[in-house]
Amino acid sequence: MTAISNETTQVPSSSTFTEIGGVVHEYDWNWQGQPLTVVYETRGEGTPILLLPAFSTVSTRAEMRGLAERLSAQFEVFALDWIGFGQSSRPSLVYCPELYQQFLQDFVRDQFETAIPVVAAGHAAGYVLQLAQNHPSVLSKMVLVAPTWQSPLRVMSGEPQGWHRGIRELVRSPLLGQAIYQLNTTPAFLRFMYGQHVYVDDTRLTPEFIAKKRQITQSPGARFAPAAFVTGGIDPVSSRAELLSYLQPLPVPVKMIIGEQVPPNSKTEMEALAELTGVEASVLPGSLGMHEEYPDSIFPEIANFL
């Protein structure tokens, strides 16, 4: 597998919109001969810091806005849309962990001249841990917010099985797949999922909020990467032991923030990481979307750690 990174360009304000109130850029990248464009934003001045949103059907850099607004007073904040999500390229390729591992390595290498701190939410945490273990000189500190490594389907049904892949391929199919995807991105379903394990405060799930989230799901090619995420195709590791190995020993100082209302299975995995020697951990209000819902609570923890 090869990846060739190219130059970064600033996007004219008329061609796209900001998500964290900063300057929008494009990063051109190549995966197995296919050119891809990653959209990211910068805001503020000072030491660079990278913010990585969680993977989900509605994943975008916008969920990092609250933290970006607060951190930009002291840092030059970088926030990106993962390939297959948000405003970045969403081709119908086979999404896999190797793609994201290589992309993150190349992006950090090309954008930053010195070691940087990084804030990673959800599945992004696993990819950051791999990066730190394989290239310890590129990161200075890590903040992992509600870190996860298991797909929603695996959390519900256990070890990966053949039918997990079958569902993934079904959603990728031209007609039936699009129909299934639409059923799972209706406003009612999105609100149900947010209320179940993403947000704690239901009053935040207004029709306007849900409509904005649904708009994310309607972009061309929007179903391919989320289908991989939901069915385990882009889980950063295959077991808890593998994830723990990236923290033994700690490659760089690590701060972990766990949500009080995180679903039990996910919370058990987070607590296993937090028990490792040297990991600094805090428990705060919130669930899997705590980085978006409660930036006021999370920001002081990040600021003190950095």
Protein backbone atom coordinates (compact mmCIF):
# COMPACT_ATOMS: atom_id res chain seq x y z
CA MET A 1 0.00 0.00 0.00
CA THR A 2 1.39 3.35 -0.97
CA ALA A 3 0.38 6.87 -0.20
CA ILE A 4 1.78 10.03 -1.73
CA SER A 5 1.01 13.34 -0.10
CA ASN A 6 0.96 16.59 -2.01
CA GLU A 7 0.66 20.26 -1.22
CA THR A 8 -1.86 22.10 0.93
CA THR A 9 -3.97 24.90 -0.49
CA GLN A 10 -6.22 27.51 1.10
CA VAL A 11 -9.82 27.28 -0.06
CA PRO A 12 -11.56 30.51 -1.12
CA SER A 13 -14.33 31.36 1.31
CA SER A 14 -16.92 31.19 -1.48
CA SER A 15 -16.23 27.53 -2.23
CA THR A 16 -16.87 26.04 1.21
CA PHE A 17 -17.87 27.07 4.73
CA THR A 18 -16.08 27.20 8.03
CA GLU A 19 -16.96 24.79 10.81
CA ILE A 20 -14.77 26.10 13.64
CA GLY A 21 -14.70 29.77 12.63
CA GLY A 22 -11.26 29.61 11.03
CA VAL A 23 -9.55 29.47 7.65
CA VAL A 24 -10.43 26.50 5.43
CA HIS A 25 -7.70 24.55 3.60
CA GLU A 26 -7.43 21.52 1.35
CA TYR A 27 -4.79 18.82 1.67
CA ASP A 28 -4.28 16.70 -1.44
CA TRP A 29 -3.39 13.08 -0.76
CA ASN A 30 -3.15 9.88 -2.75
CA TRP A 31 -4.22 6.41 -1.63
CA GLN A 32 -3.40 3.43 -3.85
CA GLY A 33 -3.41 5.61 -6.94
CA GLN A 34 -6.63 7.46 -6.09
CA PRO A 35 -6.36 11.22 -5.47
CA LEU A 36 -8.24 12.40 -2.40
CA THR A 37 -8.86 15.81 -0.85
CA VAL A 38 -8.97 16.37 2.89
CA VAL A 39 -10.59 19.56 4.15
CA TYR A 40 -9.24 21.05 7.35
CA GLU A 41 -9.39 24.35 9.18
CA THR A 42 -6.99 26.47 11.18
CA ARG A 43 -7.84 29.02 13.83
CA GLY A 44 -5.73 31.10 16.22
CA GLU A 45 -2.00 31.61 16.58
CA GLY A 46 0.77 30.02 18.58
CA THR A 47 1.88 26.43 19.05
CA PRO A 48 -0.08 24.11 16.73
CA ILE A 49 -2.56 21.65 18.21
CA LEU A 50 -4.47 19.03 16.25
CA LEU A 51 -8.13 18.22 16.98
CA LEU A 52 -9.51 14.96 15.58
CA PRO A 53 -13.27 14.33 15.61
CA ALA A 54 -14.82 10.99 16.43
CA PHE A 55 -15.86 8.64 13.63
CA SER A 56 -19.63 8.42 13.18
CA THR A 57 -22.30 8.70 10.51
CA VAL A 58 -22.33 12.47 11.12
CA SER A 59 -18.62 12.99 11.79
CA THR A 60 -17.23 16.44 10.92
CA ARG A 61 -14.72 18.86 12.33
CA ALA A 62 -17.70 21.00 13.44
CA GLU A 63 -18.05 18.85 16.56
CA MET A 64 -14.69 20.24 17.72
CA ARG A 65 -15.83 23.87 17.41
CA GLY A 66 -16.40 24.45 21.12
CA LEU A 67 -12.92 23.24 22.00
CA ALA A 68 -11.38 25.07 19.03
CA GLU A 69 -12.90 28.38 20.11
CA ARG A 70 -11.39 28.04 23.57
CA LEU A 71 -8.01 26.61 22.57
CA SER A 72 -7.44 29.16 19.80
CA ALA A 73 -6.70 31.82 22.41
CA GLN A 74 -3.40 30.03 23.09
CA PHE A 75 -2.83 27.69 20.14
CA GLU A 76 -3.04 27.51 16.39
CA VAL A 77 -5.83 24.96 16.16
CA PHE A 78 -6.01 22.45 13.30
CA ALA A 79 -9.26 20.50 12.87
CA LEU A 80 -9.97 18.15 9.97
CA ASP A 81 -12.67 16.07 8.33
CA TRP A 82 -11.58 12.45 8.03
CA ILE A 83 -11.51 10.92 4.54
CA GLY A 84 -15.01 9.68 3.77
CA PHE A 85 -16.63 12.13 6.19
CA GLY A 86 -17.61 15.79 6.34
CA GLN A 87 -16.37 17.90 3.44
CA SER A 88 -13.44 15.63 2.60
CA SER A 89 -13.51 13.23 -0.36
CA ARG A 90 -16.10 10.44 -0.02
CA PRO A 91 -15.28 7.93 -2.75
CA SER A 92 -16.67 4.38 -2.81
CA LEU A 93 -13.33 2.82 -1.95
CA VAL A 94 -12.76 0.07 0.63
CA TYR A 95 -12.26 1.97 3.88
CA CYS A 96 -9.80 0.23 6.20
CA PRO A 97 -7.54 1.02 9.17
CA GLU A 98 -4.43 1.15 6.98
CA LEU A 99 -5.88 4.07 5.05
CA TYR A 100 -6.37 6.18 8.17
CA GLN A 101 -3.07 5.12 9.72
CA GLN A 102 -1.16 6.21 6.64
CA PHE A 103 -3.17 9.39 6.16
CA LEU A 104 -2.65 10.58 9.74
CA GLN A 105 1.07 9.85 9.55
CA ASP A 106 1.43 11.80 6.30
CA PHE A 107 -0.76 14.72 7.38
CA VAL A 108 1.16 15.25 10.63
CA ARG A 109 4.50 14.91 8.83
CA ASP A 110 3.54 17.46 6.16
CA GLN A 111 1.80 20.04 8.35
CA PHE A 112 3.99 20.28 11.44
CA GLU A 113 7.72 20.89 11.85
CA THR A 114 7.86 20.05 15.56
CA ALA A 115 6.10 17.66 17.92
CA ILE A 116 2.51 18.73 18.61
CA PRO A 117 -0.21 18.00 21.16
CA VAL A 118 -3.33 16.28 19.86
CA VAL A 119 -6.91 15.95 21.11
CA ALA A 120 -8.65 12.85 19.74
CA ALA A 121 -12.25 11.74 20.29
CA GLY A 122 -13.78 8.28 19.95
CA HIS A 123 -12.11 5.99 17.39
CA ALA A 124 -9.61 8.73 16.52
CA ALA A 125 -7.87 7.92 19.80
CA GLY A 126 -6.78 4.49 18.56
CA TYR A 127 -5.19 5.96 15.45
CA VAL A 128 -3.36 8.57 17.52
CA LEU A 129 -2.03 5.90 19.86
CA GLN A 130 -0.69 3.95 16.89
CA LEU A 131 0.94 7.07 15.50
CA ALA A 132 2.62 7.85 18.81
CA GLN A 133 3.90 4.31 19.19
CA ASN A 134 5.27 4.09 15.65
CA HIS A 135 6.51 7.69 15.38
CA PRO A 136 7.01 8.97 18.94
CA SER A 137 8.83 12.13 17.86
CA VAL A 138 5.82 13.70 16.11
CA LEU A 139 3.54 14.12 19.15
CA SER A 140 4.24 15.89 22.43
CA LYS A 141 1.07 15.07 24.41
CA MET A 142 -2.20 13.23 23.82
CA VAL A 143 -5.68 13.98 25.14
CA LEU A 144 -8.12 11.11 24.52
CA VAL A 145 -11.78 12.08 24.95
CA ALA A 146 -14.20 9.17 25.42
CA PRO A 147 -11.82 6.88 23.46
CA THR A 148 -13.35 3.88 21.68
CA TRP A 149 -12.09 1.07 19.48
CA GLN A 150 -15.14 -1.16 18.87
CA SER A 151 -17.72 -0.49 16.17
CA PRO A 152 -21.35 0.02 17.22
CA LEU A 153 -22.25 -3.35 15.70
CA ARG A 154 -19.50 -5.13 17.62
CA VAL A 155 -20.57 -3.51 20.88
CA MET A 156 -24.10 -4.81 20.29
CA SER A 157 -23.35 -8.28 18.92
CA GLY A 158 -19.86 -9.28 20.02
CA GLU A 159 -16.90 -10.48 17.96
CA PRO A 160 -16.87 -9.60 14.24
CA GLN A 161 -18.79 -12.11 12.17
CA GLY A 162 -19.37 -12.69 8.49
CA TRP A 163 -22.74 -10.99 8.56
CA HIS A 164 -21.07 -7.77 9.74
CA ARG A 165 -19.21 -7.64 6.45
CA GLY A 166 -22.39 -8.66 4.64
CA ILE A 167 -24.24 -5.64 6.03
CA ARG A 168 -21.34 -3.39 5.01
CA GLU A 169 -21.44 -4.65 1.44
CA LEU A 170 -25.23 -4.39 1.37
CA VAL A 171 -25.11 -0.72 2.35
CA ARG A 172 -22.48 -0.16 -0.34
CA SER A 173 -24.76 -1.60 -3.04
CA PRO A 174 -26.25 0.93 -5.48
CA LEU A 175 -30.02 0.86 -4.86
CA LEU A 176 -30.85 -1.27 -1.84
CA GLY A 177 -27.84 0.10 0.02
CA GLN A 178 -28.94 3.68 -0.48
CA ALA A 179 -32.44 2.80 0.73
CA ILE A 180 -31.11 1.13 3.89
CA TYR A 181 -28.83 4.09 4.52
CA GLN A 182 -31.70 6.55 4.19
CA LEU A 183 -33.75 4.60 6.74
CA ASN A 184 -30.86 4.89 9.20
CA THR A 185 -30.40 8.61 8.70
CA THR A 186 -33.95 9.86 9.14
CA PRO A 187 -34.34 12.72 11.65
CA ALA A 188 -36.20 10.41 14.04
CA PHE A 189 -33.48 7.76 13.95
CA LEU A 190 -30.66 10.30 14.37
CA ARG A 191 -32.40 11.85 17.35
CA PHE A 192 -32.91 8.40 18.89
CA MET A 193 -29.22 7.52 18.51
CA TYR A 194 -28.07 10.86 19.90
CA GLY A 195 -30.35 10.45 22.88
CA GLN A 196 -29.22 6.88 23.50
CA HIS A 197 -25.45 7.26 23.69
CA VAL A 198 -24.10 10.50 22.20
CA TYR A 199 -25.65 13.39 24.12
CA VAL A 200 -26.89 13.54 27.71
CA ASP A 201 -29.09 16.63 27.58
CA ASP A 202 -32.10 15.90 25.35
CA THR A 203 -33.04 19.57 25.20
CA ARG A 204 -30.02 20.16 22.97
CA LEU A 205 -31.46 17.80 20.34
CA THR A 206 -33.63 20.45 18.73
CA PRO A 207 -35.14 20.02 15.26
CA GLU A 208 -32.56 22.52 13.98
CA PHE A 209 -29.68 20.53 15.50
CA ILE A 210 -30.92 17.23 14.04
CA ALA A 211 -31.58 18.83 10.64
CA LYS A 212 -27.99 20.04 10.50
CA LYS A 213 -26.70 16.59 11.41
CA ARG A 214 -28.90 14.95 8.78
CA GLN A 215 -27.61 17.34 6.14
CA ILE A 216 -24.15 15.83 6.70
CA THR A 217 -25.51 12.40 5.79
CA GLN A 218 -26.93 13.53 2.44
CA SER A 219 -23.69 14.43 0.64
CA PRO A 220 -22.75 12.33 -2.42
CA GLY A 221 -20.94 9.18 -1.32
CA ALA A 222 -21.90 9.78 2.31
CA ARG A 223 -22.81 6.16 3.09
CA PHE A 224 -19.54 4.38 2.30
CA ALA A 225 -17.26 5.36 5.19
CA PRO A 226 -20.05 5.32 7.83
CA ALA A 227 -20.99 1.80 6.68
CA ALA A 228 -17.39 0.75 7.32
CA PHE A 229 -17.40 2.41 10.73
CA VAL A 230 -20.68 0.93 11.95
CA THR A 231 -19.73 -2.63 10.89
CA GLY A 232 -16.16 -2.61 12.22
CA GLY A 233 -14.33 -2.05 8.96
CA ILE A 234 -12.27 0.83 10.37
CA ASP A 235 -11.85 -0.22 13.99
CA PRO A 236 -8.27 0.92 14.78
CA VAL A 237 -7.44 -2.32 16.64
CA SER A 238 -8.93 -5.80 16.92
CA SER A 239 -8.77 -6.24 20.71
CA ARG A 240 -8.38 -4.43 24.00
CA ALA A 241 -4.97 -6.04 24.47
CA GLU A 242 -3.74 -4.54 21.22
CA LEU A 243 -4.93 -1.09 22.26
CA LEU A 244 -3.34 -1.41 25.69
CA SER A 245 -0.04 -2.37 24.07
CA TYR A 246 0.21 1.11 22.56
CA LEU A 247 0.33 2.54 26.08
CA GLN A 248 2.95 0.17 27.52
CA PRO A 249 5.13 2.08 27.98
CA LEU A 250 3.55 5.47 27.42
CA PRO A 251 5.01 6.96 24.23
CA VAL A 252 4.12 10.52 25.36
CA PRO A 253 2.15 11.95 28.30
CA VAL A 254 -1.51 10.91 28.06
CA LYS A 255 -4.64 12.52 29.47
CA MET A 256 -7.90 10.57 29.26
CA ILE A 257 -11.35 12.06 29.76
CA ILE A 258 -14.21 9.63 30.41
CA GLY A 259 -17.90 10.50 30.33
CA GLU A 260 -20.01 9.68 33.36
CA GLN A 261 -22.92 8.60 31.15
CA VAL A 262 -20.95 6.64 28.56
CA PRO A 263 -22.68 3.28 27.76
CA PRO A 264 -21.47 0.51 30.12
CA ASN A 265 -19.58 -1.59 27.55
CA SER A 266 -17.67 1.40 26.22
CA LYS A 267 -17.01 2.70 29.72
CA THR A 268 -15.45 -0.61 30.73
CA GLU A 269 -12.98 -0.32 27.85
CA MET A 270 -12.12 3.27 28.75
CA GLU A 271 -11.55 2.41 32.39
CA ALA A 272 -9.16 -0.38 31.39
CA LEU A 273 -7.03 2.20 29.59
CA ALA A 274 -7.27 4.67 32.47
CA GLU A 275 -5.90 2.09 34.91
CA LEU A 276 -2.53 1.92 33.15
CA THR A 277 0.39 3.41 35.02
CA GLY A 278 1.09 6.97 33.99
CA VAL A 279 -2.25 7.71 32.34
CA GLU A 280 -3.89 10.79 33.85
CA ALA A 281 -7.66 10.32 33.85
CA SER A 282 -10.71 12.44 34.68
CA VAL A 283 -14.40 11.58 34.74
CA LEU A 284 -16.76 14.35 33.66
CA PRO A 285 -20.42 14.68 32.70
CA GLY A 286 -21.16 13.45 29.20
CA SER A 287 -21.40 10.46 26.91
CA LEU A 288 -19.71 9.54 23.61
CA GLY A 289 -20.27 13.04 22.24
CA MET A 290 -18.97 14.85 25.31
CA HIS A 291 -16.29 16.69 23.31
CA GLU A 292 -19.08 18.45 21.42
CA GLU A 293 -21.73 18.69 24.13
CA TYR A 294 -19.58 19.82 27.07
CA PRO A 295 -16.54 21.79 25.83
CA ASP A 296 -16.79 24.12 28.85
CA SER A 297 -16.10 21.19 31.20
CA ILE A 298 -13.46 19.54 29.05
CA PHE A 299 -11.44 22.63 28.16
CA PRO A 300 -10.01 23.30 31.66
CA GLU A 301 -8.85 19.68 31.88
CA ILE A 302 -7.07 19.99 28.52
CA ALA A 303 -5.60 23.41 29.32
CA ASN A 304 -4.20 22.25 32.66
CA PHE A 305 -2.70 19.14 31.09
CA LEU A 306 -1.05 21.05 28.27
